[in-house]
Amino acid sequence: MRGQASPGTPSTSDGEPVGLLDKASAILEILAQREWVSAAELAETLGEPRSTIHRLLRNLASLGWVESGTRGQWGIGLHLFRLGSGAVRRMDVRRAALPHMQHLHDESGETVFLCIRRGLDAVCVERLDGRRVQSLALQLGGSMPLHLGAGPMAILAFSPEDVYREWLLDFAENGSKDGPTAAEINEEVKVTRQRGYAVSDQNVTPGIAAVGAPVFNFRNELEGALSVSGLRDVILDPANRLAELTVEAAERASRDLGWARPAAWWGKPLPSDNHR
């Protein structure tokens, strides 16, 4: 039957022949290096029949991964470009945040997280384990709802209003009956915006607290949030200055992304960057 691999053909777990994926990948590699390429050039470069290349190009175009141009040429599609741009942005915020996460980790000895928003969840894209307590609630690559935990709450509080409205609608439909109410979370969002950082006091794990602060880019757009988590008595003890240290780390990461502090902004001026 057409469209199915023969019994001896290697395939992925979805049943797609590996050879087709290899050919599609090779096409994308070539298009990424050259702005526009004809199907004939692709067929010659890859040593494949033109009919095979045309079929693959049509399939890739239906996904938005390639697009046709003038004179029968093909280039990278807008959807694939957006996917790539999102990946680059995530790498950029991680690269900017990591040295400041390391400094916060060295200063506190606690677990430090970098989270970004994906839909209505916060995803952990970097994590430095604490020396005393290693939080199990949010692993690298894991996710949490935006209203749980300090990093996710910082993301929710400083996200654009349309994101917050979307979250409110979703929470009204799917929110836990045993957890906080929308009114309580709304009040916490207001407090977080006013003081410039979020506090999680055992709302994820008993005995564990966290502090989270937003990270912005040069357009003053939210990129994610840094947070530090550990034993409640340690995190919330004012003498340890963990809220201040977390805000400083997030602001330094933001400045490395080109962010300039607005004239009216929460928090105090940063001390000199003598650790960098």
Protein backbone atom coordinates (compact mmCIF):
# COMPACT_ATOMS: atom_id res chain seq x y z
CA MET A 1 0.00 0.00 0.00
CA ARG A 2 1.30 3.46 -0.87
CA GLY A 3 2.37 5.65 2.05
CA GLN A 4 3.35 2.67 4.21
CA ALA A 5 6.85 1.38 4.82
CA SER A 6 7.67 -2.17 3.84
CA PRO A 7 8.25 -4.61 6.74
CA GLY A 8 12.03 -4.26 6.45
CA THR A 9 12.06 -0.44 6.26
CA PRO A 10 13.38 1.35 9.40
CA SER A 11 10.82 3.73 10.80
CA THR A 12 10.19 6.09 13.70
CA SER A 13 7.81 5.27 16.56
CA ASP A 14 5.06 6.97 14.50
CA GLY A 15 5.66 4.65 11.56
CA GLU A 16 7.23 7.35 9.36
CA PRO A 17 10.09 5.91 7.26
CA VAL A 18 13.39 7.24 8.54
CA GLY A 19 14.63 7.78 4.99
CA LEU A 20 11.90 10.35 4.29
CA LEU A 21 12.72 12.26 7.47
CA ASP A 22 16.40 12.25 6.53
CA LYS A 23 15.59 13.65 3.09
CA ALA A 24 13.31 16.32 4.53
CA SER A 25 16.01 17.27 7.02
CA ALA A 26 18.59 17.48 4.22
CA ILE A 27 16.31 19.81 2.24
CA LEU A 28 15.86 22.09 5.24
CA GLU A 29 19.61 22.14 5.86
CA ILE A 30 20.23 23.32 2.30
CA LEU A 31 17.48 25.95 2.42
CA ALA A 32 18.87 27.25 5.72
CA GLN A 33 22.25 27.85 4.06
CA ARG A 34 20.96 29.31 0.77
CA GLU A 35 18.14 31.82 0.57
CA TRP A 36 16.31 30.31 -2.42
CA VAL A 37 16.86 26.98 -4.20
CA SER A 38 15.00 25.32 -7.05
CA ALA A 39 13.65 21.78 -6.85
CA ALA A 40 16.00 20.81 -9.67
CA GLU A 41 19.02 22.03 -7.67
CA LEU A 42 17.82 20.16 -4.60
CA ALA A 43 17.35 16.97 -6.62
CA GLU A 44 20.85 17.26 -8.10
CA THR A 45 22.49 18.07 -4.75
CA LEU A 46 20.76 15.24 -2.91
CA GLY A 47 20.86 12.73 -5.75
CA GLU A 48 17.11 12.19 -5.61
CA PRO A 49 14.46 12.09 -8.36
CA ARG A 50 12.72 15.41 -8.93
CA SER A 51 9.38 13.76 -8.25
CA THR A 52 10.55 12.80 -4.75
CA ILE A 53 11.82 16.32 -4.05
CA HIS A 54 8.60 17.91 -5.31
CA ARG A 55 6.52 15.60 -3.11
CA LEU A 56 8.62 16.39 -0.05
CA LEU A 57 8.48 20.12 -0.75
CA ARG A 58 4.69 20.04 -1.04
CA ASN A 59 4.43 18.19 2.28
CA LEU A 60 6.82 20.61 4.00
CA ALA A 61 4.93 23.57 2.53
CA SER A 62 1.66 22.24 3.98
CA LEU A 63 3.31 22.46 7.39
CA GLY A 64 4.57 25.99 6.77
CA TRP A 65 8.19 24.81 6.96
CA VAL A 66 9.02 25.86 3.38
CA GLU A 67 7.45 28.26 0.92
CA SER A 68 7.61 28.70 -2.83
CA GLY A 69 9.02 31.82 -4.43
CA THR A 70 9.45 33.06 -7.97
CA ARG A 71 10.76 30.94 -10.83
CA GLY A 72 10.06 27.66 -9.05
CA GLN A 73 12.41 28.32 -6.15
CA TRP A 74 11.91 27.38 -2.54
CA GLY A 75 12.92 28.88 0.79
CA ILE A 76 12.44 28.47 4.54
CA GLY A 77 8.79 28.96 5.56
CA LEU A 78 7.48 31.50 8.02
CA HIS A 79 6.30 28.89 10.54
CA LEU A 80 9.71 27.23 10.72
CA PHE A 81 11.33 30.65 11.02
CA ARG A 82 9.08 31.46 13.98
CA LEU A 83 9.93 28.15 15.63
CA GLY A 84 13.62 28.84 15.16
CA SER A 85 13.31 32.38 16.44
CA GLY A 86 11.59 31.14 19.58
CA ALA A 87 14.39 28.65 20.20
CA VAL A 88 17.02 31.34 19.71
CA ARG A 89 15.21 33.65 22.11
CA ARG A 90 15.13 30.93 24.75
CA MET A 91 18.86 30.37 24.30
CA ASP A 92 19.49 34.11 24.53
CA VAL A 93 17.65 34.51 27.84
CA ARG A 94 19.37 31.44 29.25
CA ARG A 95 22.78 32.73 28.14
CA ALA A 96 22.08 36.13 29.69
CA ALA A 97 20.70 34.72 32.92
CA LEU A 98 23.14 31.90 33.64
CA PRO A 99 26.05 33.91 35.11
CA HIS A 100 23.66 35.80 37.38
CA MET A 101 21.95 32.57 38.37
CA GLN A 102 25.35 31.20 39.27
CA HIS A 103 26.12 34.24 41.41
CA LEU A 104 22.74 33.97 43.15
CA HIS A 105 23.39 30.27 43.70
CA ASP A 106 26.83 30.97 45.17
CA GLU A 107 25.45 33.69 47.45
CA SER A 108 22.43 31.74 48.70
CA GLY A 109 23.34 28.09 48.48
CA GLU A 110 19.73 27.46 47.41
CA THR A 111 18.14 26.05 44.26
CA VAL A 112 17.89 28.65 41.48
CA PHE A 113 15.51 28.40 38.51
CA LEU A 114 15.02 30.12 35.17
CA CYS A 115 11.50 29.76 33.77
CA ILE A 116 9.87 30.99 30.58
CA ARG A 117 6.20 31.09 29.63
CA ARG A 118 4.75 28.48 27.30
CA GLY A 119 1.04 29.00 26.92
CA LEU A 120 -0.40 29.18 30.43
CA ASP A 121 2.46 27.26 32.03
CA ALA A 122 5.95 28.18 33.19
CA VAL A 123 8.67 25.87 31.86
CA CYS A 124 12.01 25.42 33.63
CA VAL A 125 14.82 25.94 31.09
CA GLU A 126 17.70 26.11 33.60
CA ARG A 127 18.17 24.93 37.16
CA LEU A 128 21.06 25.01 39.63
CA ASP A 129 20.55 22.64 42.55
CA GLY A 130 20.87 23.91 46.09
CA ARG A 131 23.49 22.66 48.51
CA ARG A 132 21.03 22.17 51.39
CA VAL A 133 17.66 21.33 49.86
CA GLN A 134 17.02 20.20 46.28
CA SER A 135 13.46 20.99 45.28
CA LEU A 136 11.70 18.14 43.51
CA ALA A 137 8.65 20.13 42.41
CA LEU A 138 10.09 21.64 39.22
CA GLN A 139 12.73 19.70 37.32
CA LEU A 140 14.65 20.91 34.26
CA GLY A 141 12.22 20.78 31.35
CA GLY A 142 9.23 20.47 33.68
CA SER A 143 6.35 22.91 33.92
CA MET A 144 3.96 24.41 36.45
CA PRO A 145 0.76 26.49 36.18
CA LEU A 146 1.45 30.22 36.18
CA HIS A 147 -0.17 30.81 39.56
CA LEU A 148 1.91 28.23 41.47
CA GLY A 149 5.44 28.97 42.65
CA ALA A 150 7.41 32.19 42.69
CA GLY A 151 8.89 32.05 39.19
CA PRO A 152 5.56 31.22 37.52
CA MET A 153 3.77 33.92 39.56
CA ALA A 154 6.37 36.52 38.53
CA ILE A 155 5.71 35.56 34.90
CA LEU A 156 1.94 35.81 35.35
CA ALA A 157 2.14 39.16 37.14
CA PHE A 158 4.36 40.82 34.54
CA SER A 159 2.88 39.24 31.41
CA PRO A 160 0.85 41.38 29.00
CA GLU A 161 -2.75 41.97 29.99
CA ASP A 162 -4.10 39.72 27.22
CA VAL A 163 -2.13 36.80 28.68
CA TYR A 164 -3.52 37.52 32.13
CA ARG A 165 -7.07 37.71 30.79
CA GLU A 166 -6.55 34.37 29.01
CA TRP A 167 -5.29 32.87 32.26
CA LEU A 168 -8.35 34.19 34.14
CA LEU A 169 -10.72 32.56 31.66
CA ASP A 170 -8.85 29.27 31.82
CA PHE A 171 -8.71 29.35 35.63
CA ALA A 172 -12.44 29.99 35.83
CA GLU A 173 -13.02 26.81 33.80
CA ASN A 174 -10.25 24.56 35.09
CA GLY A 175 -9.06 25.97 38.42
CA SER A 176 -8.75 23.62 41.40
CA LYS A 177 -11.60 23.75 43.89
CA ASP A 178 -9.19 23.05 46.75
CA GLY A 179 -6.65 25.70 45.79
CA PRO A 180 -6.66 29.51 45.90
CA THR A 181 -9.54 31.43 44.37
CA ALA A 182 -9.22 33.72 41.37
CA ALA A 183 -9.75 36.71 43.67
CA GLU A 184 -6.88 35.60 45.91
CA ILE A 185 -4.56 35.10 42.96
CA ASN A 186 -5.59 38.45 41.50
CA GLU A 187 -4.64 40.13 44.77
CA GLU A 188 -1.29 38.32 44.78
CA VAL A 189 -0.65 39.50 41.22
CA LYS A 190 -1.30 43.11 42.28
CA VAL A 191 1.06 42.79 45.26
CA THR A 192 3.72 41.17 43.07
CA ARG A 193 3.53 44.00 40.56
CA GLN A 194 3.80 46.61 43.28
CA ARG A 195 6.85 45.18 45.05
CA GLY A 196 8.54 43.83 41.91
CA TYR A 197 8.89 40.18 42.90
CA ALA A 198 6.75 37.17 43.74
CA VAL A 199 6.75 35.12 46.93
CA SER A 200 5.66 31.49 47.15
CA ASP A 201 5.04 30.45 50.76
CA GLN A 202 4.45 26.69 50.81
CA ASN A 203 1.91 26.84 47.98
CA VAL A 204 3.81 24.13 46.08
CA THR A 205 5.62 22.05 48.73
CA PRO A 206 5.07 22.14 52.52
CA GLY A 207 8.01 23.75 54.29
CA ILE A 208 9.42 25.21 51.05
CA ALA A 209 9.27 28.88 50.00
CA ALA A 210 10.59 30.75 46.98
CA VAL A 211 11.14 34.25 45.63
CA GLY A 212 10.92 35.09 41.91
CA ALA A 213 11.59 38.19 39.80
CA PRO A 214 10.91 38.97 36.11
CA VAL A 215 13.48 39.20 33.32
CA PHE A 216 12.87 41.65 30.45
CA ASN A 217 14.44 42.28 27.04
CA PHE A 218 15.40 45.49 25.24
CA ARG A 219 11.79 46.03 24.13
CA ASN A 220 10.69 45.91 27.78
CA GLU A 221 8.96 42.61 27.00
CA LEU A 222 8.88 39.80 29.53
CA GLU A 223 11.34 36.99 28.74
CA GLY A 224 10.94 34.86 31.87
CA ALA A 225 11.69 34.83 35.57
CA LEU A 226 14.51 33.93 37.94
CA SER A 227 13.63 32.35 41.27
CA VAL A 228 15.34 30.89 44.31
CA SER A 229 13.78 28.14 46.42
CA GLY A 230 14.60 26.48 49.74
CA LEU A 231 13.50 25.97 53.30
CA ARG A 232 10.85 28.49 54.32
CA ASP A 233 12.73 29.80 57.34
CA VAL A 234 15.78 30.51 55.18
CA ILE A 235 14.08 32.02 52.13
CA LEU A 236 11.73 34.32 54.04
CA ASP A 237 14.24 35.48 56.65
CA PRO A 238 14.87 39.18 55.84
CA ALA A 239 18.42 38.87 57.16
CA ASN A 240 19.31 36.62 54.20
CA ARG A 241 18.27 39.32 51.67
CA LEU A 242 17.14 36.67 49.18
CA ALA A 243 14.37 38.81 47.71
CA GLU A 244 16.86 41.61 47.10
CA LEU A 245 19.48 39.24 45.65
CA THR A 246 16.91 37.64 43.33
CA VAL A 247 15.70 41.01 42.04
CA GLU A 248 19.29 42.10 41.44
CA ALA A 249 20.07 38.91 39.51
CA ALA A 250 16.94 39.30 37.36
CA GLU A 251 17.70 42.97 36.66
CA ARG A 252 21.28 42.19 35.66
CA ALA A 253 20.09 39.47 33.29
CA SER A 254 17.58 41.96 31.86
CA ARG A 255 20.27 44.57 31.31
CA ASP A 256 22.38 41.98 29.49
CA LEU A 257 19.38 41.56 27.16
CA GLY A 258 19.38 45.30 26.50
CA TRP A 259 16.69 46.30 29.00
CA ALA A 260 16.88 49.81 30.41
CA ARG A 261 15.17 50.44 33.73
CA PRO A 262 12.21 52.84 33.22
CA ALA A 263 12.31 56.11 35.15
CA ALA A 264 9.52 54.88 37.42
CA TRP A 265 10.43 51.37 38.44
CA TRP A 266 10.18 49.23 41.53
CA GLY A 267 13.17 48.40 43.64
CA LYS A 268 16.31 50.28 44.57
CA PRO A 269 19.30 51.16 42.37
CA LEU A 270 21.60 48.19 41.97
CA PRO A 271 24.94 48.13 43.75
CA SER A 272 28.05 48.09 41.59
CA ASP A 273 28.48 44.95 39.51
CA ASN A 274 31.65 43.94 41.29
CA HIS A 275 30.95 40.22 40.93
CA ARG A 276 30.98 40.25 37.14
